[in-house]
N, C-alpha and C. Protein backbone atom coordinates (compact mmCIF):
# COMPACT_ATOMS: atom_id res chain seq x y z
N MET A 1 105.03 87.32 113.33
CA MET A 1 105.62 88.25 112.41
C MET A 1 105.59 89.65 113.01
N LEU A 2 106.71 90.29 113.08
CA LEU A 2 106.78 91.63 113.61
C LEU A 2 106.67 92.69 112.53
N LEU A 3 106.09 93.85 112.87
CA LEU A 3 106.02 94.93 111.98
C LEU A 3 107.40 95.58 111.86
N ASP A 4 107.72 96.01 110.67
CA ASP A 4 108.95 96.70 110.42
C ASP A 4 108.62 98.18 110.20
N LEU A 5 108.76 99.00 111.29
CA LEU A 5 108.38 100.43 111.21
C LEU A 5 109.60 101.27 110.84
N SER A 6 109.40 102.14 109.90
CA SER A 6 110.48 103.02 109.48
C SER A 6 110.74 104.08 110.58
N GLU A 7 111.85 104.77 110.47
CA GLU A 7 112.21 105.82 111.41
C GLU A 7 111.13 106.93 111.40
N GLU A 8 110.62 107.21 110.20
CA GLU A 8 109.60 108.28 110.06
C GLU A 8 108.35 107.89 110.82
N HIS A 9 107.94 106.63 110.71
CA HIS A 9 106.73 106.20 111.43
C HIS A 9 107.01 106.23 112.97
N LYS A 10 108.19 105.85 113.37
CA LYS A 10 108.50 105.91 114.82
C LYS A 10 108.44 107.31 115.31
N GLU A 11 108.93 108.26 114.50
CA GLU A 11 108.82 109.69 114.90
C GLU A 11 107.37 110.15 114.99
N HIS A 12 106.54 109.72 114.05
CA HIS A 12 105.16 110.08 114.13
C HIS A 12 104.50 109.54 115.34
N LEU A 13 104.80 108.28 115.73
CA LEU A 13 104.21 107.68 116.90
C LEU A 13 104.82 108.20 118.21
N ALA A 14 105.93 108.87 118.15
CA ALA A 14 106.62 109.37 119.38
C ALA A 14 105.74 110.45 120.04
N PHE A 15 104.74 110.96 119.33
CA PHE A 15 103.84 111.95 119.89
C PHE A 15 102.86 111.35 120.92
N LEU A 16 102.60 110.09 120.77
CA LEU A 16 101.54 109.45 121.60
C LEU A 16 101.89 109.42 123.07
N PRO A 17 103.13 109.20 123.57
CA PRO A 17 103.35 109.16 125.01
C PRO A 17 103.16 110.53 125.68
N GLN A 18 103.12 111.60 124.90
CA GLN A 18 103.00 112.95 125.43
C GLN A 18 101.56 113.32 125.77
N VAL A 19 100.60 112.48 125.31
CA VAL A 19 99.18 112.79 125.55
C VAL A 19 98.56 111.77 126.45
N ASP A 20 97.37 112.10 126.93
CA ASP A 20 96.60 111.25 127.82
C ASP A 20 96.10 110.00 127.08
N GLY A 21 95.75 108.95 127.85
CA GLY A 21 95.22 107.71 127.27
C GLY A 21 93.92 107.90 126.52
N ALA A 22 93.08 108.86 127.04
CA ALA A 22 91.81 109.14 126.37
C ALA A 22 92.05 109.79 125.01
N VAL A 23 93.12 110.61 124.94
CA VAL A 23 93.45 111.23 123.67
C VAL A 23 93.93 110.22 122.68
N VAL A 24 94.72 109.25 123.13
CA VAL A 24 95.19 108.16 122.26
C VAL A 24 93.98 107.39 121.76
N ALA A 25 93.01 107.10 122.62
CA ALA A 25 91.80 106.39 122.16
C ALA A 25 91.05 107.18 121.11
N GLU A 26 91.01 108.50 121.30
CA GLU A 26 90.37 109.40 120.31
C GLU A 26 91.14 109.39 118.99
N PHE A 27 92.47 109.42 119.07
CA PHE A 27 93.30 109.29 117.89
C PHE A 27 93.01 107.99 117.13
N GLY A 28 92.77 106.91 117.90
CA GLY A 28 92.44 105.63 117.30
C GLY A 28 91.15 105.73 116.51
N ARG A 29 90.13 106.39 117.11
CA ARG A 29 88.85 106.61 116.44
C ARG A 29 89.03 107.43 115.17
N ILE A 30 89.86 108.49 115.27
CA ILE A 30 90.14 109.35 114.10
C ILE A 30 90.89 108.55 113.04
N ALA A 31 91.77 107.65 113.47
CA ALA A 31 92.57 106.86 112.48
C ALA A 31 91.59 105.93 111.70
N VAL A 32 90.66 105.33 112.36
CA VAL A 32 89.71 104.45 111.67
C VAL A 32 88.83 105.29 110.72
N GLU A 33 88.43 106.51 111.17
CA GLU A 33 87.69 107.40 110.27
C GLU A 33 88.51 107.80 109.04
N PHE A 34 89.86 108.06 109.32
CA PHE A 34 90.76 108.39 108.25
C PHE A 34 90.77 107.27 107.21
N LEU A 35 90.81 106.01 107.62
CA LEU A 35 90.77 104.90 106.67
C LEU A 35 89.44 104.88 105.93
N ARG A 36 88.36 105.14 106.62
CA ARG A 36 87.02 105.06 106.03
C ARG A 36 86.72 106.18 105.09
N ARG A 37 87.03 107.43 105.50
CA ARG A 37 86.60 108.60 104.73
C ARG A 37 87.74 109.47 104.22
N GLY A 38 88.95 109.23 104.61
CA GLY A 38 90.06 110.08 104.23
C GLY A 38 90.35 111.13 105.26
N ALA A 39 91.37 111.95 105.00
CA ALA A 39 91.83 112.96 105.98
C ALA A 39 90.79 114.07 106.12
N ASN A 40 90.69 114.62 107.38
CA ASN A 40 89.80 115.70 107.64
C ASN A 40 90.59 116.76 108.45
N PRO A 41 91.12 117.79 107.75
CA PRO A 41 91.98 118.78 108.41
C PRO A 41 91.30 119.52 109.56
N LYS A 42 89.96 119.69 109.51
CA LYS A 42 89.23 120.32 110.58
C LYS A 42 89.37 119.58 111.92
N VAL A 43 89.34 118.25 111.84
CA VAL A 43 89.45 117.40 113.04
C VAL A 43 90.88 117.59 113.62
N TYR A 44 91.89 117.64 112.75
CA TYR A 44 93.28 117.84 113.23
C TYR A 44 93.41 119.16 113.90
N GLU A 45 92.84 120.21 113.31
CA GLU A 45 93.00 121.56 113.89
C GLU A 45 92.27 121.65 115.23
N GLY A 46 91.09 121.05 115.32
CA GLY A 46 90.33 121.06 116.60
C GLY A 46 91.06 120.34 117.68
N ALA A 47 91.65 119.19 117.37
CA ALA A 47 92.44 118.41 118.36
C ALA A 47 93.72 119.18 118.71
N ALA A 48 94.34 119.87 117.74
CA ALA A 48 95.53 120.61 118.03
C ALA A 48 95.24 121.78 118.96
N ARG A 49 94.11 122.50 118.82
CA ARG A 49 93.78 123.55 119.70
C ARG A 49 93.57 123.07 121.13
N LYS A 50 92.86 121.92 121.27
CA LYS A 50 92.61 121.35 122.60
C LYS A 50 93.89 120.95 123.29
N LEU A 51 94.84 120.40 122.54
CA LEU A 51 96.05 119.90 123.12
C LEU A 51 97.16 120.96 123.21
N GLY A 52 96.97 122.08 122.47
CA GLY A 52 97.94 123.18 122.48
C GLY A 52 99.22 122.82 121.71
N VAL A 53 99.04 122.07 120.65
CA VAL A 53 100.13 121.70 119.77
C VAL A 53 99.83 122.06 118.33
N SER A 54 100.73 121.85 117.44
CA SER A 54 100.50 122.18 116.04
C SER A 54 99.59 121.16 115.42
N GLY A 55 98.84 121.56 114.40
CA GLY A 55 97.97 120.63 113.65
C GLY A 55 98.77 119.59 112.98
N GLU A 56 99.97 119.93 112.57
CA GLU A 56 100.85 118.98 111.83
C GLU A 56 101.27 117.83 112.78
N ALA A 57 101.51 118.15 114.05
CA ALA A 57 101.87 117.15 115.03
C ALA A 57 100.76 116.18 115.22
N VAL A 58 99.55 116.68 115.30
CA VAL A 58 98.36 115.82 115.47
C VAL A 58 98.17 114.96 114.23
N GLN A 59 98.30 115.59 113.07
CA GLN A 59 98.16 114.86 111.84
C GLN A 59 99.18 113.73 111.71
N HIS A 60 100.45 114.00 112.04
CA HIS A 60 101.47 112.96 111.99
C HIS A 60 101.22 111.82 112.96
N GLY A 61 100.69 112.20 114.18
CA GLY A 61 100.36 111.20 115.17
C GLY A 61 99.25 110.30 114.72
N VAL A 62 98.20 110.85 114.10
CA VAL A 62 97.10 110.06 113.60
C VAL A 62 97.54 109.19 112.41
N GLU A 63 98.33 109.77 111.50
CA GLU A 63 98.79 109.00 110.37
C GLU A 63 99.67 107.84 110.82
N GLY A 64 100.55 108.07 111.83
CA GLY A 64 101.37 107.01 112.33
C GLY A 64 100.59 105.86 112.96
N LEU A 65 99.55 106.27 113.71
CA LEU A 65 98.66 105.30 114.35
C LEU A 65 97.83 104.56 113.33
N THR A 66 97.43 105.29 112.27
CA THR A 66 96.67 104.65 111.14
C THR A 66 97.55 103.58 110.47
N TYR A 67 98.80 103.95 110.24
CA TYR A 67 99.70 102.94 109.56
C TYR A 67 99.87 101.70 110.45
N LEU A 68 100.11 101.95 111.76
CA LEU A 68 100.32 100.88 112.69
C LEU A 68 99.12 99.95 112.71
N LEU A 69 97.95 100.49 112.83
CA LEU A 69 96.71 99.66 112.92
C LEU A 69 96.42 99.00 111.55
N ALA A 70 96.58 99.73 110.45
CA ALA A 70 96.26 99.16 109.13
C ALA A 70 97.23 98.03 108.79
N GLU A 71 98.53 98.22 108.98
CA GLU A 71 99.46 97.17 108.66
C GLU A 71 99.30 95.92 109.56
N SER A 72 99.01 96.19 110.83
CA SER A 72 98.75 95.02 111.76
C SER A 72 97.53 94.23 111.32
N ALA A 73 96.46 94.99 110.93
CA ALA A 73 95.23 94.28 110.55
C ALA A 73 95.43 93.60 109.18
N ARG A 74 96.18 94.25 108.27
CA ARG A 74 96.41 93.65 106.96
C ARG A 74 97.18 92.35 107.08
N LEU A 75 98.16 92.32 107.91
CA LEU A 75 99.03 91.13 108.11
C LEU A 75 98.38 90.17 109.13
N MET A 76 97.32 90.59 109.78
CA MET A 76 96.66 89.75 110.78
C MET A 76 97.63 89.20 111.83
N ILE A 77 98.44 90.13 112.34
CA ILE A 77 99.43 89.67 113.29
C ILE A 77 98.75 89.37 114.63
N SER A 78 99.32 88.47 115.37
CA SER A 78 98.76 88.02 116.66
C SER A 78 98.93 89.07 117.71
N GLU A 79 98.26 88.89 118.82
CA GLU A 79 98.40 89.82 119.97
C GLU A 79 99.85 89.93 120.42
N LEU A 80 100.52 88.77 120.53
CA LEU A 80 101.89 88.78 121.02
C LEU A 80 102.82 89.49 120.04
N ASP A 81 102.61 89.26 118.75
CA ASP A 81 103.48 89.95 117.75
C ASP A 81 103.19 91.46 117.76
N PHE A 82 101.93 91.86 117.94
CA PHE A 82 101.64 93.27 118.04
C PHE A 82 102.34 93.88 119.23
N GLN A 83 102.24 93.21 120.38
CA GLN A 83 102.91 93.71 121.58
C GLN A 83 104.42 93.83 121.38
N ASP A 84 105.02 92.86 120.74
CA ASP A 84 106.47 92.90 120.46
C ASP A 84 106.80 94.01 119.51
N SER A 85 105.92 94.26 118.51
CA SER A 85 106.17 95.34 117.50
C SER A 85 106.10 96.71 118.18
N VAL A 86 105.18 96.88 119.11
CA VAL A 86 105.04 98.16 119.78
C VAL A 86 106.09 98.31 120.89
N PHE A 87 106.50 97.18 121.46
CA PHE A 87 107.51 97.25 122.54
C PHE A 87 108.75 97.96 122.14
N VAL A 88 109.23 97.80 120.90
CA VAL A 88 110.42 98.40 120.42
C VAL A 88 110.33 99.94 120.37
N LEU A 89 109.10 100.47 120.43
CA LEU A 89 108.93 101.92 120.36
C LEU A 89 109.25 102.56 121.74
N GLY A 90 109.36 101.76 122.81
CA GLY A 90 109.72 102.26 124.12
C GLY A 90 108.60 102.98 124.81
N PHE A 91 107.35 102.65 124.52
CA PHE A 91 106.24 103.26 125.21
C PHE A 91 106.02 102.63 126.60
N SER A 92 105.23 103.29 127.44
CA SER A 92 104.92 102.77 128.75
C SER A 92 104.02 101.53 128.62
N GLU A 93 103.95 100.75 129.68
CA GLU A 93 103.12 99.50 129.66
C GLU A 93 101.68 99.81 129.44
N GLU A 94 101.22 100.91 130.05
CA GLU A 94 99.81 101.33 129.88
C GLU A 94 99.47 101.70 128.48
N LEU A 95 100.39 102.48 127.84
CA LEU A 95 100.15 102.86 126.43
C LEU A 95 100.16 101.62 125.54
N ASN A 96 101.09 100.73 125.78
CA ASN A 96 101.17 99.52 124.96
C ASN A 96 99.83 98.68 125.09
N ARG A 97 99.29 98.56 126.32
CA ARG A 97 98.00 97.88 126.47
C ARG A 97 96.89 98.63 125.77
N LEU A 98 96.92 99.95 125.80
CA LEU A 98 95.89 100.73 125.12
C LEU A 98 95.96 100.54 123.60
N LEU A 99 97.16 100.57 123.03
CA LEU A 99 97.33 100.33 121.61
C LEU A 99 96.87 98.92 121.23
N LEU A 100 97.20 97.98 122.05
CA LEU A 100 96.76 96.59 121.78
C LEU A 100 95.24 96.50 121.78
N GLN A 101 94.59 97.16 122.74
CA GLN A 101 93.11 97.15 122.79
C GLN A 101 92.55 97.80 121.59
N LEU A 102 93.15 98.94 121.19
CA LEU A 102 92.70 99.63 119.94
C LEU A 102 92.75 98.67 118.77
N TYR A 103 93.87 97.97 118.64
CA TYR A 103 94.06 96.99 117.51
C TYR A 103 92.99 95.90 117.58
N LEU A 104 92.81 95.31 118.73
CA LEU A 104 91.85 94.19 118.86
C LEU A 104 90.44 94.65 118.60
N ASP A 105 90.05 95.85 119.08
CA ASP A 105 88.71 96.33 118.88
C ASP A 105 88.39 96.69 117.45
N ASN A 106 89.40 97.11 116.69
CA ASN A 106 89.17 97.64 115.32
C ASN A 106 89.71 96.74 114.24
N ARG A 107 90.29 95.60 114.56
CA ARG A 107 90.94 94.76 113.53
C ARG A 107 89.99 94.37 112.45
N LYS A 108 88.79 93.83 112.78
CA LYS A 108 87.85 93.40 111.78
C LYS A 108 87.35 94.50 110.93
N GLU A 109 87.06 95.61 111.53
CA GLU A 109 86.56 96.77 110.75
C GLU A 109 87.64 97.29 109.76
N ILE A 110 88.87 97.34 110.26
CA ILE A 110 89.96 97.83 109.43
C ILE A 110 90.16 96.86 108.25
N ARG A 111 90.08 95.61 108.51
CA ARG A 111 90.25 94.60 107.43
C ARG A 111 89.12 94.76 106.36
N THR A 112 87.91 95.03 106.87
CA THR A 112 86.79 95.24 105.99
C THR A 112 86.99 96.46 105.09
N ILE A 113 87.48 97.56 105.75
CA ILE A 113 87.73 98.78 104.99
C ILE A 113 88.84 98.56 103.99
N LEU A 114 89.89 97.89 104.37
CA LEU A 114 91.02 97.63 103.43
C LEU A 114 90.57 96.75 102.28
N GLY A 115 89.66 95.79 102.56
CA GLY A 115 89.15 94.93 101.49
C GLY A 115 88.29 95.75 100.49
N GLU A 116 87.56 96.73 100.98
CA GLU A 116 86.76 97.60 100.07
C GLU A 116 87.65 98.50 99.23
N LEU A 117 88.84 98.89 99.81
CA LEU A 117 89.76 99.78 99.05
C LEU A 117 90.55 99.05 98.01
N ALA A 118 90.63 97.74 98.11
CA ALA A 118 91.45 96.98 97.16
C ALA A 118 90.77 96.97 95.79
N PRO A 119 91.54 97.08 94.76
CA PRO A 119 90.97 97.06 93.43
C PRO A 119 90.34 95.77 93.08
N SER A 120 89.23 95.80 92.42
CA SER A 120 88.61 94.53 92.03
C SER A 120 89.20 94.10 90.66
N LEU A 121 89.68 92.94 90.59
CA LEU A 121 90.33 92.42 89.38
C LEU A 121 89.31 91.61 88.62
N PRO A 122 89.50 91.56 87.28
CA PRO A 122 88.60 90.72 86.49
C PRO A 122 88.70 89.23 86.86
N SER A 123 87.59 88.54 86.74
CA SER A 123 87.63 87.12 87.02
C SER A 123 87.20 86.35 85.77
N TYR A 124 87.66 85.11 85.70
CA TYR A 124 87.38 84.26 84.55
C TYR A 124 85.90 83.87 84.53
N HIS A 125 85.31 83.91 83.31
CA HIS A 125 83.94 83.42 83.11
C HIS A 125 83.89 82.25 82.19
N SER A 126 84.49 82.40 81.01
CA SER A 126 84.53 81.28 80.02
C SER A 126 85.60 81.59 78.98
N LEU A 127 85.82 80.50 78.19
CA LEU A 127 86.88 80.60 77.17
C LEU A 127 86.46 79.88 75.95
N GLU A 128 86.73 80.50 74.77
CA GLU A 128 86.54 79.82 73.47
C GLU A 128 87.85 79.85 72.75
N TRP A 129 88.13 78.80 71.99
CA TRP A 129 89.39 78.77 71.22
C TRP A 129 89.14 78.18 69.85
N ARG A 130 90.10 78.52 68.95
CA ARG A 130 90.02 77.97 67.58
C ARG A 130 91.43 77.84 67.07
N LEU A 131 91.67 76.78 66.34
CA LEU A 131 93.02 76.53 65.74
C LEU A 131 92.88 76.74 64.20
N ASP A 132 93.67 77.68 63.73
CA ASP A 132 93.70 77.99 62.27
C ASP A 132 95.09 77.57 61.75
N VAL A 133 95.08 76.90 60.60
CA VAL A 133 96.31 76.47 59.97
C VAL A 133 96.31 76.97 58.52
N GLN A 134 97.30 77.75 58.20
CA GLN A 134 97.46 78.18 56.80
C GLN A 134 98.37 77.16 56.11
N LEU A 135 97.87 76.50 55.11
CA LEU A 135 98.62 75.42 54.45
C LEU A 135 99.41 75.89 53.23
N ALA A 136 98.93 76.95 52.60
CA ALA A 136 99.64 77.42 51.41
C ALA A 136 99.23 78.85 51.17
N SER A 137 100.06 79.51 50.39
CA SER A 137 99.74 80.90 49.95
C SER A 137 100.16 81.00 48.49
N ARG A 138 99.95 82.13 47.87
CA ARG A 138 100.29 82.28 46.45
C ARG A 138 101.81 82.13 46.26
N SER A 139 102.57 82.64 47.16
CA SER A 139 104.05 82.58 46.98
C SER A 139 104.64 81.24 47.46
N LEU A 140 104.03 80.63 48.48
CA LEU A 140 104.55 79.33 48.97
C LEU A 140 103.48 78.29 48.89
N ARG A 141 103.71 77.22 48.14
CA ARG A 141 102.71 76.21 47.96
C ARG A 141 102.61 75.29 49.17
N GLN A 142 103.68 74.96 49.77
CA GLN A 142 103.64 74.08 50.91
C GLN A 142 104.17 74.83 52.15
N GLN A 143 103.25 75.21 52.94
CA GLN A 143 103.61 76.04 54.13
C GLN A 143 102.62 75.62 55.22
N ILE A 144 103.09 75.41 56.45
CA ILE A 144 102.20 75.16 57.55
C ILE A 144 102.43 76.22 58.59
N LYS A 145 101.42 77.04 58.77
CA LYS A 145 101.51 78.17 59.72
C LYS A 145 100.31 78.10 60.61
N PRO A 146 100.45 77.44 61.79
CA PRO A 146 99.32 77.33 62.72
C PRO A 146 99.21 78.59 63.56
N ALA A 147 97.97 78.89 64.00
CA ALA A 147 97.68 79.99 64.89
C ALA A 147 96.53 79.62 65.81
N VAL A 148 96.65 79.91 67.04
CA VAL A 148 95.59 79.63 68.05
C VAL A 148 94.92 80.98 68.45
N THR A 149 93.64 81.05 68.23
CA THR A 149 92.88 82.22 68.62
C THR A 149 92.04 81.88 69.88
N ILE A 150 92.17 82.72 70.85
CA ILE A 150 91.49 82.52 72.17
C ILE A 150 90.60 83.70 72.44
N LYS A 151 89.36 83.42 72.77
CA LYS A 151 88.40 84.45 73.16
C LYS A 151 88.11 84.25 74.61
N LEU A 152 88.58 85.17 75.46
CA LEU A 152 88.48 85.05 76.91
C LEU A 152 87.37 86.00 77.40
N HIS A 153 86.36 85.38 78.06
CA HIS A 153 85.24 86.16 78.62
C HIS A 153 85.53 86.39 80.13
N LEU A 154 85.50 87.66 80.58
CA LEU A 154 85.80 88.04 81.91
C LEU A 154 84.65 88.77 82.58
N ASN A 155 84.56 88.68 83.90
CA ASN A 155 83.59 89.44 84.72
C ASN A 155 84.32 90.40 85.57
N GLN A 156 83.83 91.63 85.65
CA GLN A 156 84.38 92.63 86.55
C GLN A 156 83.27 93.53 87.03
N ASN A 157 83.02 93.52 88.35
CA ASN A 157 81.92 94.31 88.94
C ASN A 157 80.63 94.15 88.21
N GLY A 158 80.30 92.93 87.87
CA GLY A 158 79.02 92.62 87.16
C GLY A 158 79.02 92.87 85.68
N ASP A 159 80.06 93.50 85.14
CA ASP A 159 80.15 93.74 83.71
C ASP A 159 80.91 92.61 83.04
N HIS A 160 80.47 92.25 81.83
CA HIS A 160 81.14 91.20 81.07
C HIS A 160 81.95 91.93 79.95
N ASN A 161 83.20 91.51 79.84
CA ASN A 161 84.03 91.98 78.71
C ASN A 161 84.76 90.81 78.10
N THR A 162 85.23 90.99 76.90
CA THR A 162 85.87 89.93 76.14
C THR A 162 87.18 90.40 75.63
N LYS A 163 88.21 89.52 75.72
CA LYS A 163 89.51 89.78 75.20
C LYS A 163 89.82 88.69 74.14
N VAL A 164 90.32 89.13 73.01
CA VAL A 164 90.69 88.17 71.95
C VAL A 164 92.23 88.19 71.86
N LEU A 165 92.80 86.98 71.98
CA LEU A 165 94.24 86.81 71.89
C LEU A 165 94.58 85.82 70.77
N GLN A 166 95.69 86.07 70.11
CA GLN A 166 96.13 85.12 69.08
C GLN A 166 97.61 84.86 69.21
N THR A 167 98.00 83.59 69.13
CA THR A 167 99.40 83.23 69.30
C THR A 167 99.65 81.94 68.52
N ASP A 168 100.93 81.60 68.41
CA ASP A 168 101.31 80.36 67.76
C ASP A 168 101.37 79.30 68.84
N PRO A 169 101.31 78.03 68.44
CA PRO A 169 101.27 76.92 69.40
C PRO A 169 102.56 76.82 70.31
N ALA A 170 103.68 77.19 69.80
CA ALA A 170 104.91 77.14 70.66
C ALA A 170 104.88 78.14 71.76
N THR A 171 104.38 79.34 71.50
CA THR A 171 104.25 80.36 72.52
C THR A 171 103.18 79.95 73.57
N LEU A 172 102.03 79.39 73.08
CA LEU A 172 101.02 78.95 73.95
C LEU A 172 101.51 77.83 74.88
N LEU A 173 102.26 76.89 74.33
CA LEU A 173 102.89 75.82 75.09
C LEU A 173 103.82 76.37 76.18
N HIS A 174 104.64 77.34 75.82
CA HIS A 174 105.53 77.98 76.80
C HIS A 174 104.72 78.66 77.90
N LEU A 175 103.62 79.34 77.53
CA LEU A 175 102.77 79.99 78.49
C LEU A 175 102.19 78.99 79.46
N VAL A 176 101.69 77.87 78.94
CA VAL A 176 101.12 76.83 79.79
C VAL A 176 102.20 76.28 80.75
N GLN A 177 103.39 76.07 80.28
CA GLN A 177 104.47 75.56 81.16
C GLN A 177 104.78 76.59 82.23
N GLN A 178 104.78 77.85 81.95
CA GLN A 178 105.10 78.86 82.98
C GLN A 178 104.00 78.92 84.00
N LEU A 179 102.72 78.83 83.54
CA LEU A 179 101.61 78.78 84.50
C LEU A 179 101.66 77.57 85.39
N GLU A 180 101.97 76.41 84.85
CA GLU A 180 102.12 75.20 85.64
C GLU A 180 103.21 75.33 86.68
N GLN A 181 104.33 75.95 86.24
CA GLN A 181 105.43 76.17 87.16
C GLN A 181 105.01 77.12 88.28
N ALA A 182 104.30 78.15 87.97
CA ALA A 182 103.78 79.05 89.03
C ALA A 182 102.85 78.36 89.99
N LEU A 183 101.97 77.48 89.47
CA LEU A 183 101.11 76.72 90.36
C LEU A 183 101.85 75.81 91.31
N GLU A 184 102.92 75.17 90.78
CA GLU A 184 103.78 74.33 91.62
C GLU A 184 104.48 75.15 92.69
N GLU A 185 104.89 76.36 92.31
CA GLU A 185 105.59 77.22 93.23
C GLU A 185 104.62 77.64 94.39
N MET A 186 103.35 77.80 94.06
CA MET A 186 102.38 78.14 95.10
C MET A 186 102.18 77.10 96.15
N LYS A 187 102.60 75.85 95.87
CA LYS A 187 102.48 74.75 96.81
C LYS A 187 103.65 74.71 97.79
N THR A 188 104.68 75.53 97.60
CA THR A 188 105.81 75.57 98.54
C THR A 188 105.46 76.19 99.86
N ASN A 189 106.14 75.86 100.89
CA ASN A 189 105.89 76.42 102.22
C ASN A 189 106.07 77.93 102.26
N HIS A 190 107.09 78.41 101.53
CA HIS A 190 107.35 79.85 101.55
C HIS A 190 106.13 80.61 101.00
N CYS A 191 105.66 80.14 99.83
CA CYS A 191 104.48 80.83 99.21
C CYS A 191 103.23 80.74 100.12
N ARG A 192 103.05 79.65 100.75
CA ARG A 192 101.89 79.51 101.64
C ARG A 192 101.98 80.48 102.79
N ARG A 193 103.18 80.66 103.33
CA ARG A 193 103.30 81.63 104.41
C ARG A 193 102.99 83.07 103.91
N VAL A 194 103.51 83.38 102.74
CA VAL A 194 103.26 84.69 102.17
C VAL A 194 101.77 84.95 101.94
N VAL A 195 101.11 83.97 101.36
CA VAL A 195 99.68 84.10 101.07
C VAL A 195 98.87 84.23 102.39
N ARG A 196 99.28 83.48 103.39
CA ARG A 196 98.58 83.55 104.67
C ARG A 196 98.71 84.95 105.27
N ASN A 197 99.88 85.60 105.12
CA ASN A 197 100.07 86.91 105.69
C ASN A 197 99.38 88.02 104.86
N ILE A 198 99.13 87.76 103.60
CA ILE A 198 98.46 88.76 102.72
C ILE A 198 96.99 88.83 103.08
N LYS A 199 96.35 87.66 103.38
CA LYS A 199 94.92 87.63 103.59
C LYS A 199 94.52 88.33 104.89
């Protein structure tokens, strides 16, 4: 799978061939720090003074490199795919090897950082349900009005919370059918490829 870089990202990365390989390696270190702790304008200004360029150029270069490394790590692209993705940028062979080494050295750490940044979603703990049927009321003597009440217990970050839902059996049956259809869809080859690339 090749990365699809926008023109803006290509422009940001175009700064890299103008600097030395050691500077690119330092940019890689700054990019990982950027993912870990966020932007640090003082670092950009210091690097800009040393290189004799604007702080904005350094910032764009680091952000472009951050995007390249983060997307590559998120998609877990192979070495060959990474090389092919970078090849379209028209960099020298030496710079391509340096970027590949940066990716391989930092891939696991970047994936760990991205995993920590992902929002934690609630997970299922248990479920209680009850079926209520109203058989008659003052105005209607013969009436059947069923209702299903569901109490859903969820865990999120060690906290337990409860959601109470109420629906009629027809809507519940439709919901079950939609969920079963979604589970069947997850078994298709296309969905398996997508899930593999997300992890």
